[in-house]
Amino acid sequence: MKIDDIIISNERDERSLAWLRREVGDEAISEALSRLAGNRRPYITNLCHELGLVVPDEVKRGPPKPMPPEVRQRLDEIRQKMMRK
């Protein structure tokens, strides 16, 4: 099995694979893929388990979404009111 065989279902999997490649490198990933026992499919979670790693929460969550301008404006108004008191 090779890295191209890893099942990538969504953006979270893409981020997790990129993190995994930075952490251990392609050679270690290929070796872990060859060790997946039985009917374990090449999902990122199975691969991490085989390598004894846990994907950090910040990688799972991804980058924060930008705040809509109307929300930012409302928060600014609330802050201003609070500063007056």
PDB file of N, CA and C in Angstrom:
ATOM      1  N   MET A   1       0.837  -1.172   0.000  1.00  0.00           N
ATOM      2  CA  MET A   1       0.000   0.000   0.000  1.00  0.00           C
ATOM      3  C   MET A   1       0.893   1.250   0.000  1.00  0.00           C
ATOM      4  N   LYS A   2       0.404   2.303  -0.647  1.00  0.00           N
ATOM      5  CA  LYS A   2       1.179   3.544  -0.700  1.00  0.00           C
ATOM      6  C   LYS A   2       0.336   4.724  -0.216  1.00  0.00           C
ATOM      7  N   ILE A   3       0.976   5.860  -0.063  1.00  0.00           N
ATOM      8  CA  ILE A   3       0.306   7.030   0.496  1.00  0.00           C
ATOM      9  C   ILE A   3      -0.931   7.412  -0.314  1.00  0.00           C
ATOM     10  N   ASP A   4      -0.894   7.228  -1.605  1.00  0.00           N
ATOM     11  CA  ASP A   4      -2.062   7.547  -2.440  1.00  0.00           C
ATOM     12  C   ASP A   4      -3.278   6.682  -2.111  1.00  0.00           C
ATOM     13  N   ASP A   5      -3.062   5.572  -1.412  1.00  0.00           N
ATOM     14  CA  ASP A   5      -4.161   4.673  -1.049  1.00  0.00           C
ATOM     15  C   ASP A   5      -4.898   5.119   0.217  1.00  0.00           C
ATOM     16  N   ILE A   6      -4.370   6.107   0.931  1.00  0.00           N
ATOM     17  CA  ILE A   6      -5.024   6.580   2.161  1.00  0.00           C
ATOM     18  C   ILE A   6      -6.370   7.185   1.803  1.00  0.00           C
ATOM     19  N   ILE A   7      -7.395   6.830   2.560  1.00  0.00           N
ATOM     20  CA  ILE A   7      -8.750   7.315   2.299  1.00  0.00           C
ATOM     21  C   ILE A   7      -8.900   8.714   2.896  1.00  0.00           C
ATOM     22  N   ILE A   8      -9.124   9.681   2.011  1.00  0.00           N
ATOM     23  CA  ILE A   8      -9.323  11.076   2.402  1.00  0.00           C
ATOM     24  C   ILE A   8     -10.771  11.421   2.094  1.00  0.00           C
ATOM     25  N   SER A   9     -11.575  11.619   3.149  1.00  0.00           N
ATOM     26  CA  SER A   9     -13.006  11.852   2.964  1.00  0.00           C
ATOM     27  C   SER A   9     -13.409  13.318   3.034  1.00  0.00           C
ATOM     28  N   ASN A  10     -12.576  14.149   3.672  1.00  0.00           N
ATOM     29  CA  ASN A  10     -12.968  15.542   3.883  1.00  0.00           C
ATOM     30  C   ASN A  10     -11.741  16.414   4.171  1.00  0.00           C
ATOM     31  N   GLU A  11     -11.996  17.698   4.417  1.00  0.00           N
ATOM     32  CA  GLU A  11     -10.904  18.641   4.680  1.00  0.00           C
ATOM     33  C   GLU A  11     -10.140  18.284   5.952  1.00  0.00           C
ATOM     34  N   ARG A  12     -10.860  17.779   6.938  1.00  0.00           N
ATOM     35  CA  ARG A  12     -10.202  17.382   8.182  1.00  0.00           C
ATOM     36  C   ARG A  12      -9.172  16.286   7.910  1.00  0.00           C
ATOM     37  N   ASP A  13      -9.530  15.318   7.084  1.00  0.00           N
ATOM     38  CA  ASP A  13      -8.584  14.258   6.720  1.00  0.00           C
ATOM     39  C   ASP A  13      -7.375  14.836   5.985  1.00  0.00           C
ATOM     40  N   GLU A  14      -7.611  15.810   5.111  1.00  0.00           N
ATOM     41  CA  GLU A  14      -6.507  16.443   4.381  1.00  0.00           C
ATOM     42  C   GLU A  14      -5.552  17.131   5.351  1.00  0.00           C
ATOM     43  N   ARG A  15      -6.108  17.888   6.309  1.00  0.00           N
ATOM     44  CA  ARG A  15      -5.267  18.558   7.308  1.00  0.00           C
ATOM     45  C   ARG A  15      -4.519  17.540   8.154  1.00  0.00           C
ATOM     46  N   SER A  16      -5.206  16.468   8.528  1.00  0.00           N
ATOM     47  CA  SER A  16      -4.585  15.445   9.366  1.00  0.00           C
ATOM     48  C   SER A  16      -3.443  14.752   8.641  1.00  0.00           C
ATOM     49  N   LEU A  17      -3.630  14.449   7.361  1.00  0.00           N
ATOM     50  CA  LEU A  17      -2.563  13.808   6.590  1.00  0.00           C
ATOM     51  C   LEU A  17      -1.368  14.751   6.445  1.00  0.00           C
ATOM     52  N   ALA A  18      -1.626  16.019   6.190  1.00  0.00           N
ATOM     53  CA  ALA A  18      -0.524  16.991   6.072  1.00  0.00           C
ATOM     54  C   ALA A  18       0.254  17.055   7.386  1.00  0.00           C
ATOM     55  N   TRP A  19      -0.474  17.072   8.508  1.00  0.00           N
ATOM     56  CA  TRP A  19       0.176  17.095   9.823  1.00  0.00           C
ATOM     57  C   TRP A  19       1.015  15.827  10.019  1.00  0.00           C
ATOM     58  N   LEU A  20       0.426  14.690   9.680  1.00  0.00           N
ATOM     59  CA  LEU A  20       1.108  13.408   9.844  1.00  0.00           C
ATOM     60  C   LEU A  20       2.389  13.357   9.007  1.00  0.00           C
ATOM     61  N   ARG A  21       2.322  13.868   7.789  1.00  0.00           N
ATOM     62  CA  ARG A  21       3.507  13.882   6.930  1.00  0.00           C
ATOM     63  C   ARG A  21       4.606  14.753   7.527  1.00  0.00           C
ATOM     64  N   ARG A  22       4.220  15.887   8.126  1.00  0.00           N
ATOM     65  CA  ARG A  22       5.221  16.749   8.773  1.00  0.00           C
ATOM     66  C   ARG A  22       5.811  16.072  10.005  1.00  0.00           C
ATOM     67  N   GLU A  23       4.980  15.340  10.739  1.00  0.00           N
ATOM     68  CA  GLU A  23       5.426  14.715  11.990  1.00  0.00           C
ATOM     69  C   GLU A  23       6.360  13.534  11.779  1.00  0.00           C
ATOM     70  N   VAL A  24       5.986  12.624  10.876  1.00  0.00           N
ATOM     71  CA  VAL A  24       6.751  11.378  10.762  1.00  0.00           C
ATOM     72  C   VAL A  24       7.355  11.130   9.384  1.00  0.00           C
ATOM     73  N   GLY A  25       6.866  11.814   8.360  1.00  0.00           N
ATOM     74  CA  GLY A  25       7.409  11.629   7.015  1.00  0.00           C
ATOM     75  C   GLY A  25       6.728  10.499   6.251  1.00  0.00           C
ATOM     76  N   ASP A  26       6.925  10.542   4.943  1.00  0.00           N
ATOM     77  CA  ASP A  26       6.263   9.586   4.055  1.00  0.00           C
ATOM     78  C   ASP A  26       6.729   8.148   4.251  1.00  0.00           C
ATOM     79  N   GLU A  27       7.994   7.960   4.546  1.00  0.00           N
ATOM     80  CA  GLU A  27       8.512   6.596   4.716  1.00  0.00           C
ATOM     81  C   GLU A  27       7.844   5.901   5.902  1.00  0.00           C
ATOM     82  N   ALA A  28       7.735   6.597   7.029  1.00  0.00           N
ATOM     83  CA  ALA A  28       7.088   6.007   8.209  1.00  0.00           C
ATOM     84  C   ALA A  28       5.613   5.737   7.939  1.00  0.00           C
ATOM     85  N   ILE A  29       4.979   6.618   7.177  1.00  0.00           N
ATOM     86  CA  ILE A  29       3.565   6.418   6.844  1.00  0.00           C
ATOM     87  C   ILE A  29       3.416   5.176   5.963  1.00  0.00           C
ATOM     88  N   SER A  30       4.274   5.028   4.978  1.00  0.00           N
ATOM     89  CA  SER A  30       4.214   3.850   4.103  1.00  0.00           C
ATOM     90  C   SER A  30       4.423   2.557   4.887  1.00  0.00           C
ATOM     91  N   GLU A  31       5.371   2.587   5.808  1.00  0.00           N
ATOM     92  CA  GLU A  31       5.607   1.403   6.641  1.00  0.00           C
ATOM     93  C   GLU A  31       4.382   1.082   7.496  1.00  0.00           C
ATOM     94  N   ALA A  32       3.768   2.123   8.077  1.00  0.00           N
ATOM     95  CA  ALA A  32       2.578   1.912   8.903  1.00  0.00           C
ATOM     96  C   ALA A  32       1.427   1.367   8.061  1.00  0.00           C
ATOM     97  N   LEU A  33       1.300   1.851   6.836  1.00  0.00           N
ATOM     98  CA  LEU A  33       0.256   1.341   5.944  1.00  0.00           C
ATOM     99  C   LEU A  33       0.424  -0.157   5.704  1.00  0.00           C
ATOM    100  N   SER A  34       1.650  -0.581   5.560  1.00  0.00           N
ATOM    101  CA  SER A  34       1.893  -2.011   5.300  1.00  0.00           C
ATOM    102  C   SER A  34       1.618  -2.864   6.536  1.00  0.00           C
ATOM    103  N   ARG A  35       1.606  -2.232   7.710  1.00  0.00           N
ATOM    104  CA  ARG A  35       1.352  -2.982   8.950  1.00  0.00           C
ATOM    105  C   ARG A  35      -0.120  -3.011   9.354  1.00  0.00           C
ATOM    106  N   LEU A  36      -0.983  -2.305   8.636  1.00  0.00           N
ATOM    107  CA  LEU A  36      -2.406  -2.321   9.010  1.00  0.00           C
ATOM    108  C   LEU A  36      -2.910  -3.759   8.949  1.00  0.00           C
ATOM    109  N   ALA A  37      -3.389  -4.229  10.073  1.00  0.00           N
ATOM    110  CA  ALA A  37      -3.742  -5.647  10.208  1.00  0.00           C
ATOM    111  C   ALA A  37      -5.152  -5.935   9.692  1.00  0.00           C
ATOM    112  N   GLY A  38      -5.306  -7.141   9.193  1.00  0.00           N
ATOM    113  CA  GLY A  38      -6.631  -7.650   8.828  1.00  0.00           C
ATOM    114  C   GLY A  38      -7.342  -6.780   7.818  1.00  0.00           C
ATOM    115  N   ASN A  39      -8.594  -6.479   8.130  1.00  0.00           N
ATOM    116  CA  ASN A  39      -9.426  -5.699   7.221  1.00  0.00           C
ATOM    117  C   ASN A  39      -9.411  -4.203   7.536  1.00  0.00           C
ATOM    118  N   ARG A  40      -8.421  -3.750   8.277  1.00  0.00           N
ATOM    119  CA  ARG A  40      -8.360  -2.319   8.600  1.00  0.00           C
ATOM    120  C   ARG A  40      -8.063  -1.536   7.334  1.00  0.00           C
ATOM    121  N   ARG A  41      -8.964  -0.631   7.033  1.00  0.00           N
ATOM    122  CA  ARG A  41      -8.813   0.176   5.826  1.00  0.00           C
ATOM    123  C   ARG A  41      -7.897   1.354   6.107  1.00  0.00           C
ATOM    124  N   PRO A  42      -7.285   1.917   5.073  1.00  0.00           N
ATOM    125  CA  PRO A  42      -6.299   2.987   5.266  1.00  0.00           C
ATOM    126  C   PRO A  42      -6.906   4.365   5.538  1.00  0.00           C
ATOM    127  N   TYR A  43      -7.707   4.437   6.593  1.00  0.00           N
ATOM    128  CA  TYR A  43      -8.222   5.725   7.060  1.00  0.00           C
ATOM    129  C   TYR A  43      -7.150   6.401   7.906  1.00  0.00           C
ATOM    130  N   ILE A  44      -7.199   7.715   7.974  1.00  0.00           N
ATOM    131  CA  ILE A  44      -6.239   8.475   8.778  1.00  0.00           C
ATOM    132  C   ILE A  44      -6.251   7.992  10.227  1.00  0.00           C
ATOM    133  N   THR A  45      -7.432   7.742  10.786  1.00  0.00           N
ATOM    134  CA  THR A  45      -7.515   7.317  12.187  1.00  0.00           C
ATOM    135  C   THR A  45      -6.802   5.989  12.406  1.00  0.00           C
ATOM    136  N   ASN A  46      -6.967   5.045  11.493  1.00  0.00           N
ATOM    137  CA  ASN A  46      -6.281   3.755  11.614  1.00  0.00           C
ATOM    138  C   ASN A  46      -4.771   3.934  11.497  1.00  0.00           C
ATOM    139  N   LEU A  47      -4.372   4.797  10.606  1.00  0.00           N
ATOM    140  CA  LEU A  47      -2.952   5.058  10.402  1.00  0.00           C
ATOM    141  C   LEU A  47      -2.325   5.698  11.639  1.00  0.00           C
ATOM    142  N   CYS A  48      -3.003   6.682  12.205  1.00  0.00           N
ATOM    143  CA  CYS A  48      -2.508   7.331  13.429  1.00  0.00           C
ATOM    144  C   CYS A  48      -2.419   6.314  14.568  1.00  0.00           C
ATOM    145  N   HIS A  49      -3.430   5.473  14.680  1.00  0.00           N
ATOM    146  CA  HIS A  49      -3.428   4.446  15.721  1.00  0.00           C
ATOM    147  C   HIS A  49      -2.213   3.527  15.556  1.00  0.00           C
ATOM    148  N   GLU A  50      -1.944   3.132  14.326  1.00  0.00           N
ATOM    149  CA  GLU A  50      -0.799   2.256  14.049  1.00  0.00           C
ATOM    150  C   GLU A  50       0.523   2.932  14.420  1.00  0.00           C
ATOM    151  N   LEU A  51       0.585   4.248  14.222  1.00  0.00           N
ATOM    152  CA  LEU A  51       1.805   4.999  14.528  1.00  0.00           C
ATOM    153  C   LEU A  51       1.863   5.451  15.991  1.00  0.00           C
ATOM    154  N   GLY A  52       0.765   5.237  16.730  1.00  0.00           N
ATOM    155  CA  GLY A  52       0.739   5.650  18.131  1.00  0.00           C
ATOM    156  C   GLY A  52       0.630   7.153  18.302  1.00  0.00           C
ATOM    157  N   LEU A  53      -0.009   7.814  17.345  1.00  0.00           N
ATOM    158  CA  LEU A  53      -0.147   9.271  17.387  1.00  0.00           C
ATOM    159  C   LEU A  53      -1.604   9.684  17.463  1.00  0.00           C
ATOM    160  N   VAL A  54      -1.822  10.881  17.972  1.00  0.00           N
ATOM    161  CA  VAL A  54      -3.158  11.471  18.028  1.00  0.00           C
ATOM    162  C   VAL A  54      -3.075  12.831  17.339  1.00  0.00           C
ATOM    163  N   VAL A  55      -3.961  13.055  16.390  1.00  0.00           N
ATOM    164  CA  VAL A  55      -3.987  14.337  15.686  1.00  0.00           C
ATOM    165  C   VAL A  55      -4.427  15.412  16.672  1.00  0.00           C
ATOM    166  N   PRO A  56      -3.659  16.503  16.797  1.00  0.00           N
ATOM    167  CA  PRO A  56      -4.026  17.568  17.736  1.00  0.00           C
ATOM    168  C   PRO A  56      -5.383  18.199  17.385  1.00  0.00           C
ATOM    169  N   ASP A  57      -6.085  18.662  18.407  1.00  0.00           N
ATOM    170  CA  ASP A  57      -7.400  19.263  18.202  1.00  0.00           C
ATOM    171  C   ASP A  57      -7.359  20.440  17.242  1.00  0.00           C
ATOM    172  N   GLU A  58      -6.299  21.262  17.326  1.00  0.00           N
ATOM    173  CA  GLU A  58      -6.250  22.433  16.446  1.00  0.00           C
ATOM    174  C   GLU A  58      -6.120  22.035  14.979  1.00  0.00           C
ATOM    175  N   VAL A  59      -5.532  20.875  14.706  1.00  0.00           N
ATOM    176  CA  VAL A  59      -5.464  20.379  13.327  1.00  0.00           C
ATOM    177  C   VAL A  59      -6.843  19.864  12.919  1.00  0.00           C
ATOM    178  N   LYS A  60      -7.506  19.174  13.817  1.00  0.00           N
ATOM    179  CA  LYS A  60      -8.846  18.651  13.514  1.00  0.00           C
ATOM    180  C   LYS A  60      -9.823  19.780  13.217  1.00  0.00           C
ATOM    181  N   ARG A  61      -9.778  20.826  14.049  1.00  0.00           N
ATOM    182  CA  ARG A  61     -10.723  21.946  13.901  1.00  0.00           C
ATOM    183  C   ARG A  61     -10.438  22.783  12.672  1.00  0.00           C
ATOM    184  N   GLY A  62      -9.182  22.977  12.343  1.00  0.00           N
ATOM    185  CA  GLY A  62      -8.819  23.824  11.219  1.00  0.00           C
ATOM    186  C   GLY A  62      -8.772  25.280  11.629  1.00  0.00           C
ATOM    187  N   PRO A  63      -8.525  26.148  10.658  1.00  0.00           N
ATOM    188  CA  PRO A  63      -8.413  27.569  10.974  1.00  0.00           C
ATOM    189  C   PRO A  63      -9.771  28.148  11.370  1.00  0.00           C
ATOM    190  N   PRO A  64      -9.754  29.158  12.238  1.00  0.00           N
ATOM    191  CA  PRO A  64     -11.023  29.759  12.642  1.00  0.00           C
ATOM    192  C   PRO A  64     -11.693  30.456  11.464  1.00  0.00           C
ATOM    193  N   LYS A  65     -12.989  30.449  11.480  1.00  0.00           N
ATOM    194  CA  LYS A  65     -13.746  31.103  10.419  1.00  0.00           C
ATOM    195  C   LYS A  65     -13.797  32.602  10.715  1.00  0.00           C
ATOM    196  N   PRO A  66     -13.730  33.436   9.676  1.00  0.00           N
ATOM    197  CA  PRO A  66     -13.775  34.876   9.922  1.00  0.00           C
ATOM    198  C   PRO A  66     -15.136  35.305  10.486  1.00  0.00           C
ATOM    199  N   MET A  67     -15.082  36.304  11.347  1.00  0.00           N
ATOM    200  CA  MET A  67     -16.301  36.805  11.968  1.00  0.00           C
ATOM    201  C   MET A  67     -17.037  37.700  10.966  1.00  0.00           C
ATOM    202  N   PRO A  68     -18.333  37.492  10.793  1.00  0.00           N
ATOM    203  CA  PRO A  68     -19.107  38.358   9.885  1.00  0.00           C
ATOM    204  C   PRO A  68     -19.043  39.812  10.369  1.00  0.00           C
ATOM    205  N   PRO A  69     -19.006  40.757   9.445  1.00  0.00           N
ATOM    206  CA  PRO A  69     -18.889  42.172   9.815  1.00  0.00           C
ATOM    207  C   PRO A  69     -19.988  42.654  10.758  1.00  0.00           C
ATOM    208  N   GLU A  70     -21.206  42.168  10.574  1.00  0.00           N
ATOM    209  CA  GLU A  70     -22.306  42.628  11.442  1.00  0.00           C
ATOM    210  C   GLU A  70     -22.116  42.144  12.884  1.00  0.00           C
ATOM    211  N   VAL A  71     -21.533  40.975  13.043  1.00  0.00           N
ATOM    212  CA  VAL A  71     -21.259  40.459  14.389  1.00  0.00           C
ATOM    213  C   VAL A  71     -20.147  41.279  15.030  1.00  0.00           C
ATOM    214  N   ARG A  72     -19.107  41.555  14.257  1.00  0.00           N
ATOM    215  CA  ARG A  72     -17.998  42.368  14.772  1.00  0.00           C
ATOM    216  C   ARG A  72     -18.494  43.754  15.202  1.00  0.00           C
ATOM    217  N   GLN A  73     -19.362  44.348  14.371  1.00  0.00           N
ATOM    218  CA  GLN A  73     -19.906  45.671  14.694  1.00  0.00           C
ATOM    219  C   GLN A  73     -20.722  45.625  15.987  1.00  0.00           C
ATOM    220  N   ARG A  74     -21.544  44.611  16.136  1.00  0.00           N
ATOM    221  CA  ARG A  74     -22.372  44.481  17.344  1.00  0.00           C
ATOM    222  C   ARG A  74     -21.494  44.298  18.584  1.00  0.00           C
ATOM    223  N   LEU A  75     -20.452  43.503  18.481  1.00  0.00           N
ATOM    224  CA  LEU A  75     -19.535  43.311  19.607  1.00  0.00           C
ATOM    225  C   LEU A  75     -18.828  44.618  19.962  1.00  0.00           C
ATOM    226  N   ASP A  76     -18.447  45.388  18.946  1.00  0.00           N
ATOM    227  CA  ASP A  76     -17.830  46.691  19.210  1.00  0.00           C
ATOM    228  C   ASP A  76     -18.784  47.619  19.953  1.00  0.00           C
ATOM    229  N   GLU A  77     -20.050  47.591  19.574  1.00  0.00           N
ATOM    230  CA  GLU A  77     -21.055  48.414  20.264  1.00  0.00           C
ATOM    231  C   GLU A  77     -21.188  47.996  21.728  1.00  0.00           C
ATOM    232  N   ILE A  78     -21.226  46.715  21.973  1.00  0.00           N
ATOM    233  CA  ILE A  78     -21.350  46.202  23.348  1.00  0.00           C
ATOM    234  C   ILE A  78     -20.124  46.607  24.163  1.00  0.00           C
ATOM    235  N   ARG A  79     -18.939  46.479  23.579  1.00  0.00           N
ATOM    236  CA  ARG A  79     -17.713  46.883  24.285  1.00  0.00           C
ATOM    237  C   ARG A  79     -17.742  48.360  24.660  1.00  0.00           C
ATOM    238  N   GLN A  80     -18.193  49.180  23.725  1.00  0.00           N
ATOM    239  CA  GLN A  80     -18.265  50.616  23.996  1.00  0.00           C
ATOM    240  C   GLN A  80     -19.230  50.909  25.143  1.00  0.00           C
ATOM    241  N   LYS A  81     -20.369  50.252  25.167  1.00  0.00           N
ATOM    242  CA  LYS A  81     -21.327  50.438  26.254  1.00  0.00           C
ATOM    243  C   LYS A  81     -20.733  50.018  27.579  1.00  0.00           C
ATOM    244  N   MET A  82     -20.012  48.930  27.569  1.00  0.00           N
ATOM    245  CA  MET A  82     -19.419  48.429  28.812  1.00  0.00           C
ATOM    246  C   MET A  82     -18.327  49.372  29.330  1.00  0.00           C
ATOM    247  N   MET A  83     -17.605  50.006  28.441  1.00  0.00           N
ATOM    248  CA  MET A  83     -16.552  50.911  28.855  1.00  0.00           C
ATOM    249  C   MET A  83     -17.103  52.198  29.462  1.00  0.00           C
ATOM    250  N   ARG A  84     -18.317  52.565  29.083  1.00  0.00           N
ATOM    251  CA  ARG A  84     -18.946  53.781  29.619  1.00  0.00           C
ATOM    252  C   ARG A  84     -19.417  53.601  31.051  1.00  0.00           C
ATOM    253  N   LYS A  85     -19.656  52.379  31.463  1.00  0.00           N
ATOM    254  CA  LYS A  85     -20.191  52.134  32.800  1.00  0.00           C
ATOM    255  C   LYS A  85     -19.115  52.178  33.837  1.00  0.00           C
TER     256      LYS A  85
END
